[in-house]
Amino acid sequence: PGMTLNFAGNLLRLAEGEQANDEAVVAYCETRPV
């Protein structure tokens, strides 16, 4: 109780640090290039 937070902010917390330029997502599908 009383806490406020943000879901996306926690999932993207590494986008500001040393890992910012590391791959986060590699997406494969049948209809488009990776």
Full PDB file with SEQRES, HELIX, SHEET, SSBOND, CRYST1, ORIGX, SCALE, CONECT and MASTER records, all heavy atoms in Angstrom:
SEQRES   1 A   34  PRO GLY MET THR LEU ASN PHE ALA GLY ASN LEU LEU ARG          
SEQRES   2 A   34  LEU ALA GLU GLY GLU GLN ALA ASN ASP GLU ALA VAL VAL          
SEQRES   3 A   34  ALA TYR CYS GLU THR ARG PRO VAL                              
HELIX    1 AA1 PHE A    7  LEU A   11  1                                   5    
HELIX    2 AA2 ARG A   13  GLU A   16  5                                   4    
CRYST1    1.000    1.000    1.000  90.00  90.00  90.00 P 1           1          
ORIGX1      1.000000  0.000000  0.000000        0.00000                         
ORIGX2      0.000000  1.000000  0.000000        0.00000                         
ORIGX3      0.000000  0.000000  1.000000        0.00000                         
SCALE1      1.000000  0.000000  0.000000        0.00000                         
SCALE2      0.000000  1.000000  0.000000        0.00000                         
SCALE3      0.000000  0.000000  1.000000        0.00000                         
ATOM      1  N   PRO A   1       0.831  -1.209   0.000  1.00  0.00           N  
ATOM      2  CA  PRO A   1       0.000   0.000   0.000  1.00  0.00           C  
ATOM      3  C   PRO A   1       0.866   1.259   0.000  1.00  0.00           C  
ATOM      4  O   PRO A   1       1.897   1.331   0.674  1.00  0.00           O  
ATOM      5  CB  PRO A   1      -0.804  -0.124   1.298  1.00  0.00           C  
ATOM      6  CG  PRO A   1      -0.002  -1.052   2.166  1.00  0.00           C  
ATOM      7  CD  PRO A   1       0.642  -2.014   1.230  1.00  0.00           C  
ATOM      8  N   GLY A   2       0.427   2.237  -0.771  1.00  0.00           N  
ATOM      9  CA  GLY A   2       1.141   3.506  -0.864  1.00  0.00           C  
ATOM     10  C   GLY A   2       2.208   3.552  -1.933  1.00  0.00           C  
ATOM     11  O   GLY A   2       2.661   4.639  -2.312  1.00  0.00           O  
ATOM     12  N   MET A   3       2.630   2.391  -2.431  1.00  0.00           N  
ATOM     13  CA  MET A   3       3.684   2.382  -3.445  1.00  0.00           C  
ATOM     14  C   MET A   3       3.146   2.859  -4.787  1.00  0.00           C  
ATOM     15  O   MET A   3       2.022   2.552  -5.179  1.00  0.00           O  
ATOM     16  CB  MET A   3       4.276   0.978  -3.606  1.00  0.00           C  
ATOM     17  CG  MET A   3       5.324   0.869  -4.719  1.00  0.00           C  
ATOM     18  SD  MET A   3       6.040  -0.776  -4.904  1.00  0.00           S  
ATOM     19  CE  MET A   3       7.160  -0.810  -3.502  1.00  0.00           C  
ATOM     20  N   THR A   4       3.967   3.604  -5.528  1.00  0.00           N  
ATOM     21  CA  THR A   4       3.708   3.889  -6.939  1.00  0.00           C  
ATOM     22  C   THR A   4       4.940   3.456  -7.730  1.00  0.00           C  
ATOM     23  O   THR A   4       6.080   3.543  -7.252  1.00  0.00           O  
ATOM     24  CB  THR A   4       3.414   5.377  -7.193  1.00  0.00           C  
ATOM     25  OG1 THR A   4       4.547   6.160  -6.802  1.00  0.00           O  
ATOM     26  CG2 THR A   4       2.177   5.828  -6.441  1.00  0.00           C  
ATOM     27  N   LEU A   5       4.690   2.987  -8.938  1.00  0.00           N  
ATOM     28  CA  LEU A   5       5.762   2.452  -9.777  1.00  0.00           C  
ATOM     29  C   LEU A   5       5.304   2.449 -11.216  1.00  0.00           C  
ATOM     30  O   LEU A   5       4.155   2.808 -11.521  1.00  0.00           O  
ATOM     31  CB  LEU A   5       6.115   1.034  -9.347  1.00  0.00           C  
ATOM     32  CG  LEU A   5       5.100  -0.083  -9.685  1.00  0.00           C  
ATOM     33  CD1 LEU A   5       5.775  -1.451  -9.643  1.00  0.00           C  
ATOM     34  CD2 LEU A   5       3.906  -0.084  -8.728  1.00  0.00           C  
ATOM     35  N   ASN A   6       6.181   2.037 -12.116  1.00  0.00           N  
ATOM     36  CA  ASN A   6       5.800   1.893 -13.509  1.00  0.00           C  
ATOM     37  C   ASN A   6       6.355   0.579 -14.048  1.00  0.00           C  
ATOM     38  O   ASN A   6       7.527   0.265 -13.856  1.00  0.00           O  
ATOM     39  CB  ASN A   6       6.301   3.055 -14.367  1.00  0.00           C  
ATOM     40  CG  ASN A   6       5.776   2.961 -15.793  1.00  0.00           C  
ATOM     41  OD1 ASN A   6       6.451   2.436 -16.663  1.00  0.00           O  
ATOM     42  ND2 ASN A   6       4.563   3.454 -16.013  1.00  0.00           N  
ATOM     43  N   PHE A   7       5.487  -0.169 -14.702  1.00  0.00           N  
ATOM     44  CA  PHE A   7       5.848  -1.495 -15.208  1.00  0.00           C  
ATOM     45  C   PHE A   7       6.910  -1.393 -16.304  1.00  0.00           C  
ATOM     46  O   PHE A   7       7.961  -2.042 -16.241  1.00  0.00           O  
ATOM     47  CB  PHE A   7       4.587  -2.180 -15.741  1.00  0.00           C  
ATOM     48  CG  PHE A   7       4.758  -3.634 -16.084  1.00  0.00           C  
ATOM     49  CD1 PHE A   7       4.808  -4.588 -15.085  1.00  0.00           C  
ATOM     50  CD2 PHE A   7       4.845  -4.053 -17.403  1.00  0.00           C  
ATOM     51  CE1 PHE A   7       4.949  -5.938 -15.382  1.00  0.00           C  
ATOM     52  CE2 PHE A   7       4.989  -5.395 -17.720  1.00  0.00           C  
ATOM     53  CZ  PHE A   7       5.036  -6.342 -16.706  1.00  0.00           C  
ATOM     54  N   ALA A   8       6.656  -0.557 -17.317  1.00  0.00           N  
ATOM     55  CA  ALA A   8       7.605  -0.414 -18.424  1.00  0.00           C  
ATOM     56  C   ALA A   8       8.941   0.124 -17.925  1.00  0.00           C  
ATOM     57  O   ALA A   8      10.006  -0.275 -18.420  1.00  0.00           O  
ATOM     58  CB  ALA A   8       7.029   0.501 -19.499  1.00  0.00           C  
ATOM     59  N   GLY A   9       8.902   1.026 -16.955  1.00  0.00           N  
ATOM     60  CA  GLY A   9      10.140   1.573 -16.424  1.00  0.00           C  
ATOM     61  C   GLY A   9      11.020   0.508 -15.801  1.00  0.00           C  
ATOM     62  O   GLY A   9      12.260   0.562 -15.899  1.00  0.00           O  
ATOM     63  N   ASN A  10      10.406  -0.478 -15.161  1.00  0.00           N  
ATOM     64  CA  ASN A  10      11.179  -1.575 -14.596  1.00  0.00           C  
ATOM     65  C   ASN A  10      11.695  -2.517 -15.678  1.00  0.00           C  
ATOM     66  O   ASN A  10      12.835  -2.975 -15.612  1.00  0.00           O  
ATOM     67  CB  ASN A  10      10.335  -2.348 -13.579  1.00  0.00           C  
ATOM     68  CG  ASN A  10      10.392  -1.749 -12.193  1.00  0.00           C  
ATOM     69  OD1 ASN A  10      11.292  -2.028 -11.413  1.00  0.00           O  
ATOM     70  ND2 ASN A  10       9.421  -0.891 -11.881  1.00  0.00           N  
ATOM     71  N   LEU A  11      10.885  -2.796 -16.694  1.00  0.00           N  
ATOM     72  CA  LEU A  11      11.336  -3.697 -17.760  1.00  0.00           C  
ATOM     73  C   LEU A  11      12.420  -3.065 -18.614  1.00  0.00           C  
ATOM     74  O   LEU A  11      13.268  -3.779 -19.173  1.00  0.00           O  
ATOM     75  CB  LEU A  11      10.150  -4.119 -18.631  1.00  0.00           C  
ATOM     76  CG  LEU A  11       9.486  -5.453 -18.240  1.00  0.00           C  
ATOM     77  CD1 LEU A  11       8.916  -5.393 -16.838  1.00  0.00           C  
ATOM     78  CD2 LEU A  11       8.423  -5.860 -19.243  1.00  0.00           C  
ATOM     79  N   LEU A  12      12.412  -1.743 -18.715  1.00  0.00           N  
ATOM     80  CA  LEU A  12      13.406  -1.060 -19.551  1.00  0.00           C  
ATOM     81  C   LEU A  12      14.491  -0.392 -18.716  1.00  0.00           C  
ATOM     82  O   LEU A  12      15.193   0.498 -19.200  1.00  0.00           O  
ATOM     83  CB  LEU A  12      12.703  -0.009 -20.421  1.00  0.00           C  
ATOM     84  CG  LEU A  12      11.796  -0.567 -21.523  1.00  0.00           C  
ATOM     85  CD1 LEU A  12      11.069   0.564 -22.234  1.00  0.00           C  
ATOM     86  CD2 LEU A  12      12.586  -1.401 -22.518  1.00  0.00           C  
ATOM     87  N   ARG A  13      14.663  -0.846 -17.490  1.00  0.00           N  
ATOM     88  CA  ARG A  13      15.624  -0.185 -16.605  1.00  0.00           C  
ATOM     89  C   ARG A  13      17.052  -0.294 -17.126  1.00  0.00           C  
ATOM     90  O   ARG A  13      17.906   0.516 -16.770  1.00  0.00           O  
ATOM     91  CB  ARG A  13      15.542  -0.794 -15.212  1.00  0.00           C  
ATOM     92  CG  ARG A  13      15.762  -2.304 -15.177  1.00  0.00           C  
ATOM     93  CD  ARG A  13      15.494  -2.893 -13.824  1.00  0.00           C  
ATOM     94  NE  ARG A  13      15.609  -4.352 -13.828  1.00  0.00           N  
ATOM     95  CZ  ARG A  13      15.698  -5.073 -12.729  1.00  0.00           C  
ATOM     96  NH1 ARG A  13      15.690  -4.484 -11.548  1.00  0.00           N  
ATOM     97  NH2 ARG A  13      15.794  -6.389 -12.784  1.00  0.00           N  
ATOM     98  N   LEU A  14      17.342  -1.283 -17.994  1.00  0.00           N  
ATOM     99  CA  LEU A  14      18.699  -1.453 -18.505  1.00  0.00           C  
ATOM    100  C   LEU A  14      18.967  -0.614 -19.753  1.00  0.00           C  
ATOM    101  O   LEU A  14      20.086  -0.589 -20.252  1.00  0.00           O  
ATOM    102  CB  LEU A  14      18.953  -2.927 -18.815  1.00  0.00           C  
ATOM    103  CG  LEU A  14      18.862  -3.851 -17.591  1.00  0.00           C  
ATOM    104  CD1 LEU A  14      18.914  -5.301 -18.009  1.00  0.00           C  
ATOM    105  CD2 LEU A  14      19.984  -3.549 -16.610  1.00  0.00           C  
ATOM    106  N   ALA A  15      17.918   0.062 -20.263  1.00  0.00           N  
ATOM    107  CA  ALA A  15      18.094   0.853 -21.481  1.00  0.00           C  
ATOM    108  C   ALA A  15      18.933   2.102 -21.247  1.00  0.00           C  
ATOM    109  O   ALA A  15      19.363   2.753 -22.197  1.00  0.00           O  
ATOM    110  CB  ALA A  15      16.724   1.252 -22.051  1.00  0.00           C  
ATOM    111  N   GLU A  16      19.179   2.440 -19.994  1.00  0.00           N  
ATOM    112  CA  GLU A  16      19.959   3.639 -19.676  1.00  0.00           C  
ATOM    113  C   GLU A  16      21.422   3.330 -19.378  1.00  0.00           C  
ATOM    114  O   GLU A  16      22.261   4.211 -19.391  1.00  0.00           O  
ATOM    115  CB  GLU A  16      19.344   4.342 -18.458  1.00  0.00           C  
ATOM    116  CG  GLU A  16      17.893   4.740 -18.622  1.00  0.00           C  
ATOM    117  CD  GLU A  16      17.698   5.832 -19.655  1.00  0.00           C  
ATOM    118  OE1 GLU A  16      18.678   6.491 -20.014  1.00  0.00           O  
ATOM    119  OE2 GLU A  16      16.557   6.007 -20.106  1.00  0.00           O  
ATOM    120  N   GLY A  17      21.725   2.093 -19.060  1.00  0.00           N  
ATOM    121  CA  GLY A  17      23.060   1.771 -18.574  1.00  0.00           C  
ATOM    122  C   GLY A  17      23.975   1.212 -19.644  1.00  0.00           C  
ATOM    123  O   GLY A  17      23.829   1.496 -20.845  1.00  0.00           O  
ATOM    124  N   GLU A  18      24.918   0.397 -19.178  1.00  0.00           N  
ATOM    125  CA  GLU A  18      25.928  -0.147 -20.078  1.00  0.00           C  
ATOM    126  C   GLU A  18      25.331  -1.085 -21.111  1.00  0.00           C  
ATOM    127  O   GLU A  18      25.937  -1.318 -22.161  1.00  0.00           O  
ATOM    128  CB  GLU A  18      26.991  -0.891 -19.263  1.00  0.00           C  
ATOM    129  CG  GLU A  18      27.793   0.018 -18.323  1.00  0.00           C  
ATOM    130  CD  GLU A  18      28.807  -0.755 -17.517  1.00  0.00           C  
ATOM    131  OE1 GLU A  18      28.847  -1.999 -17.651  1.00  0.00           O  
ATOM    132  OE2 GLU A  18      29.563  -0.127 -16.753  1.00  0.00           O  
ATOM    133  N   GLN A  19      24.142  -1.642 -20.831  1.00  0.00           N  
ATOM    134  CA  GLN A  19      23.525  -2.575 -21.766  1.00  0.00           C  
ATOM    135  C   GLN A  19      22.666  -1.893 -22.822  1.00  0.00           C  
ATOM    136  O   GLN A  19      22.019  -2.561 -23.621  1.00  0.00           O  
ATOM    137  CB  GLN A  19      22.643  -3.587 -21.010  1.00  0.00           C  
ATOM    138  CG  GLN A  19      23.446  -4.667 -20.298  1.00  0.00           C  
ATOM    139  CD  GLN A  19      22.528  -5.764 -19.787  1.00  0.00           C  
ATOM    140  OE1 GLN A  19      22.315  -5.902 -18.596  1.00  0.00           O  
ATOM    141  NE2 GLN A  19      21.983  -6.546 -20.702  1.00  0.00           N  
ATOM    142  N   ALA A  20      22.640  -0.578 -22.853  1.00  0.00           N  
ATOM    143  CA  ALA A  20      21.738   0.140 -23.762  1.00  0.00           C  
ATOM    144  C   ALA A  20      21.910  -0.289 -25.212  1.00  0.00           C  
ATOM    145  O   ALA A  20      20.938  -0.342 -25.977  1.00  0.00           O  
ATOM    146  CB  ALA A  20      21.950   1.646 -23.631  1.00  0.00           C  
ATOM    147  N   ASN A  21      23.133  -0.594 -25.613  1.00  0.00           N  
ATOM    148  CA  ASN A  21      23.392  -0.969 -26.998  1.00  0.00           C  
ATOM    149  C   ASN A  21      23.453  -2.475 -27.213  1.00  0.00           C  
ATOM    150  O   ASN A  21      23.783  -2.936 -28.310  1.00  0.00           O  
ATOM    151  CB  ASN A  21      24.683  -0.311 -27.487  1.00  0.00           C  
ATOM    152  CG  ASN A  21      24.543   1.204 -27.579  1.00  0.00           C  
ATOM    153  OD1 ASN A  21      23.518   1.718 -28.003  1.00  0.00           O  
ATOM    154  ND2 ASN A  21      25.572   1.919 -27.130  1.00  0.00           N  
ATOM    155  N   ASP A  22      23.130  -3.242 -26.165  1.00  0.00           N  
ATOM    156  CA  ASP A  22      23.020  -4.693 -26.325  1.00  0.00           C  
ATOM    157  C   ASP A  22      21.690  -5.038 -26.973  1.00  0.00           C  
ATOM    158  O   ASP A  22      20.697  -4.305 -26.827  1.00  0.00           O  
ATOM    159  CB  ASP A  22      23.102  -5.388 -24.962  1.00  0.00           C  
ATOM    160  CG  ASP A  22      24.485  -5.306 -24.350  1.00  0.00           C  
ATOM    161  OD1 ASP A  22      25.428  -4.899 -25.066  1.00  0.00           O  
ATOM    162  OD2 ASP A  22      24.615  -5.645 -23.166  1.00  0.00           O  
ATOM    163  N   GLU A  23      21.648  -6.164 -27.655  1.00  0.00           N  
ATOM    164  CA  GLU A  23      20.390  -6.603 -28.243  1.00  0.00           C  
ATOM    165  C   GLU A  23      19.379  -6.914 -27.146  1.00  0.00           C  
ATOM    166  O   GLU A  23      19.686  -7.609 -26.170  1.00  0.00           O  
ATOM    167  CB  GLU A  23      20.595  -7.849 -29.102  1.00  0.00           C  
ATOM    168  CG  GLU A  23      21.174  -7.564 -30.471  1.00  0.00           C  
ATOM    169  CD  GLU A  23      21.224  -8.783 -31.358  1.00  0.00           C  
ATOM    170  OE1 GLU A  23      21.112  -9.914 -30.845  1.00  0.00           O  
ATOM    171  OE2 GLU A  23      21.387  -8.607 -32.580  1.00  0.00           O  
ATOM    172  N   ALA A  24      18.182  -6.379 -27.323  1.00  0.00           N  
ATOM    173  CA  ALA A  24      17.093  -6.663 -26.394  1.00  0.00           C  
ATOM    174  C   ALA A  24      16.125  -7.678 -26.982  1.00  0.00           C  
ATOM    175  O   ALA A  24      15.590  -8.524 -26.258  1.00  0.00           O  
ATOM    176  CB  ALA A  24      16.339  -5.378 -26.053  1.00  0.00           C  
ATOM    177  N   VAL A  25      15.883  -7.579 -28.289  1.00  0.00           N  
ATOM    178  CA  VAL A  25      14.891  -8.432 -28.951  1.00  0.00           C  
ATOM    179  C   VAL A  25      15.439  -8.890 -30.299  1.00  0.00           C  
ATOM    180  O   VAL A  25      15.968  -8.084 -31.072  1.00  0.00           O  
ATOM    181  CB  VAL A  25      13.557  -7.687 -29.173  1.00  0.00           C  
ATOM    182  CG1 VAL A  25      12.527  -8.625 -29.793  1.00  0.00           C  
ATOM    183  CG2 VAL A  25      13.026  -7.097 -27.871  1.00  0.00           C  
ATOM    184  N   VAL A  26      15.303 -10.180 -30.551  1.00  0.00           N  
ATOM    185  CA  VAL A  26      15.556 -10.755 -31.871  1.00  0.00           C  
ATOM    186  C   VAL A  26      14.271 -11.463 -32.279  1.00  0.00           C  
ATOM    187  O   VAL A  26      13.831 -12.396 -31.596  1.00  0.00           O  
ATOM    188  CB  VAL A  26      16.735 -11.748 -31.847  1.00  0.00           C  
ATOM    189  CG1 VAL A  26      16.949 -12.343 -33.235  1.00  0.00           C  
ATOM    190  CG2 VAL A  26      18.002 -11.071 -31.352  1.00  0.00           C  
ATOM    191  N   ALA A  27      13.633 -11.003 -33.349  1.00  0.00           N  
ATOM    192  CA  ALA A  27      12.302 -11.487 -33.712  1.00  0.00           C  
ATOM    193  C   ALA A  27      12.333 -12.272 -35.018  1.00  0.00           C  
ATOM    194  O   ALA A  27      12.725 -11.747 -36.068  1.00  0.00           O  
ATOM    195  CB  ALA A  27      11.329 -10.314 -33.833  1.00  0.00           C  
ATOM    196  N   TYR A  28      11.904 -13.533 -34.941  1.00  0.00           N  
ATOM    197  CA  TYR A  28      11.779 -14.400 -36.115  1.00  0.00           C  
ATOM    198  C   TYR A  28      10.304 -14.585 -36.448  1.00  0.00           C  
ATOM    199  O   TYR A  28       9.461 -14.686 -35.548  1.00  0.00           O  
ATOM    200  CB  TYR A  28      12.385 -15.777 -35.839  1.00  0.00           C  
ATOM    201  CG  TYR A  28      13.890 -15.835 -35.851  1.00  0.00           C  
ATOM    202  CD1 TYR A  28      14.627 -15.537 -34.709  1.00  0.00           C  
ATOM    203  CD2 TYR A  28      14.581 -16.217 -37.000  1.00  0.00           C  
ATOM    204  CE1 TYR A  28      16.016 -15.607 -34.710  1.00  0.00           C  
ATOM    205  CE2 TYR A  28      15.967 -16.294 -37.015  1.00  0.00           C  
ATOM    206  CZ  TYR A  28      16.680 -15.986 -35.869  1.00  0.00           C  
ATOM    207  OH  TYR A  28      18.057 -16.063 -35.883  1.00  0.00           O  
ATOM    208  N   CYS A  29       9.993 -14.640 -37.721  1.00  0.00           N  
ATOM    209  CA  CYS A  29       8.646 -15.015 -38.144  1.00  0.00           C  
ATOM    210  C   CYS A  29       8.723 -15.608 -39.545  1.00  0.00           C  
ATOM    211  O   CYS A  29       9.764 -15.536 -40.205  1.00  0.00           O  
ATOM    212  CB  CYS A  29       7.682 -13.833 -38.099  1.00  0.00           C  
ATOM    213  SG  CYS A  29       7.907 -12.632 -39.412  1.00  0.00           S  
ATOM    214  N   GLU A  30       7.628 -16.173 -40.001  1.00  0.00           N  
ATOM    215  CA  GLU A  30       7.624 -16.850 -41.299  1.00  0.00           C  
ATOM    216  C   GLU A  30       7.505 -15.890 -42.471  1.00  0.00           C  
ATOM    217  O   GLU A  30       7.760 -16.290 -43.614  1.00  0.00           O  
ATOM    218  CB  GLU A  30       6.478 -17.873 -41.355  1.00  0.00           C  
ATOM    219  CG  GLU A  30       6.670 -19.075 -40.452  1.00  0.00           C  
ATOM    220  CD  GLU A  30       5.647 -20.174 -40.718  1.00  0.00           C  
ATOM    221  OE1 GLU A  30       4.985 -20.128 -41.776  1.00  0.00           O  
ATOM    222  OE2 GLU A  30       5.516 -21.080 -39.872  1.00  0.00           O  
ATOM    223  N   THR A  31       7.106 -14.649 -42.230  1.00  0.00           N  
ATOM    224  CA  THR A  31       6.771 -13.766 -43.345  1.00  0.00           C  
ATOM    225  C   THR A  31       7.732 -12.611 -43.549  1.00  0.00           C  
ATOM    226  O   THR A  31       7.617 -11.888 -44.538  1.00  0.00           O  
ATOM    227  CB  THR A  31       5.355 -13.179 -43.132  1.00  0.00           C  
ATOM    228  OG1 THR A  31       5.315 -12.485 -41.877  1.00  0.00           O  
ATOM    229  CG2 THR A  31       4.303 -14.282 -43.142  1.00  0.00           C  
ATOM    230  N   ARG A  32       8.673 -12.405 -42.619  1.00  0.00           N  
ATOM    231  CA  ARG A  32       9.578 -11.259 -42.734  1.00  0.00           C  
ATOM    232  C   ARG A  32      10.983 -11.677 -42.322  1.00  0.00           C  
ATOM    233  O   ARG A  32      11.163 -12.664 -41.600  1.00  0.00           O  
ATOM    234  CB  ARG A  32       9.122 -10.103 -41.828  1.00  0.00           C  
ATOM    235  CG  ARG A  32       7.739  -9.572 -42.128  1.00  0.00           C  
ATOM    236  CD  ARG A  32       7.418  -8.340 -41.276  1.00  0.00           C  
ATOM    237  NE  ARG A  32       7.565  -8.569 -39.839  1.00  0.00           N  
ATOM    238  CZ  ARG A  32       7.177  -7.719 -38.910  1.00  0.00           C  
ATOM    239  NH1 ARG A  32       6.629  -6.573 -39.264  1.00  0.00           N  
ATOM    240  NH2 ARG A  32       7.338  -7.979 -37.632  1.00  0.00           N  
ATOM    241  N   PRO A  33      11.999 -10.909 -42.738  1.00  0.00           N  
ATOM    242  CA  PRO A  33      13.368 -11.203 -42.283  1.00  0.00           C  
ATOM    243  C   PRO A  33      13.477 -11.013 -40.777  1.00  0.00           C  
ATOM    244  O   PRO A  33      12.688 -10.314 -40.147  1.00  0.00           O  
ATOM    245  CB  PRO A  33      14.216 -10.163 -43.040  1.00  0.00           C  
ATOM    246  CG  PRO A  33      13.375  -9.694 -44.170  1.00  0.00           C  
ATOM    247  CD  PRO A  33      11.958  -9.790 -43.703  1.00  0.00           C  
ATOM    248  N   VAL A  34      14.486 -11.646 -40.190  1.00  0.00           N  
ATOM    249  CA  VAL A  34      14.712 -11.513 -38.758  1.00  0.00           C  
ATOM    250  C   VAL A  34      14.973 -10.052 -38.405  1.00  0.00           C  
ATOM    251  O   VAL A  34      15.619  -9.316 -39.156  1.00  0.00           O  
ATOM    252  CB  VAL A  34      15.886 -12.405 -38.304  1.00  0.00           C  
ATOM    253  CG1 VAL A  34      17.182 -12.012 -38.987  1.00  0.00           C  
ATOM    254  CG2 VAL A  34      16.058 -12.356 -36.784  1.00  0.00           C  
TER     255      VAL A  34                                                      
MASTER        0    0    0    2    0    0    0    6  254    1    0    3          
END                                                                             
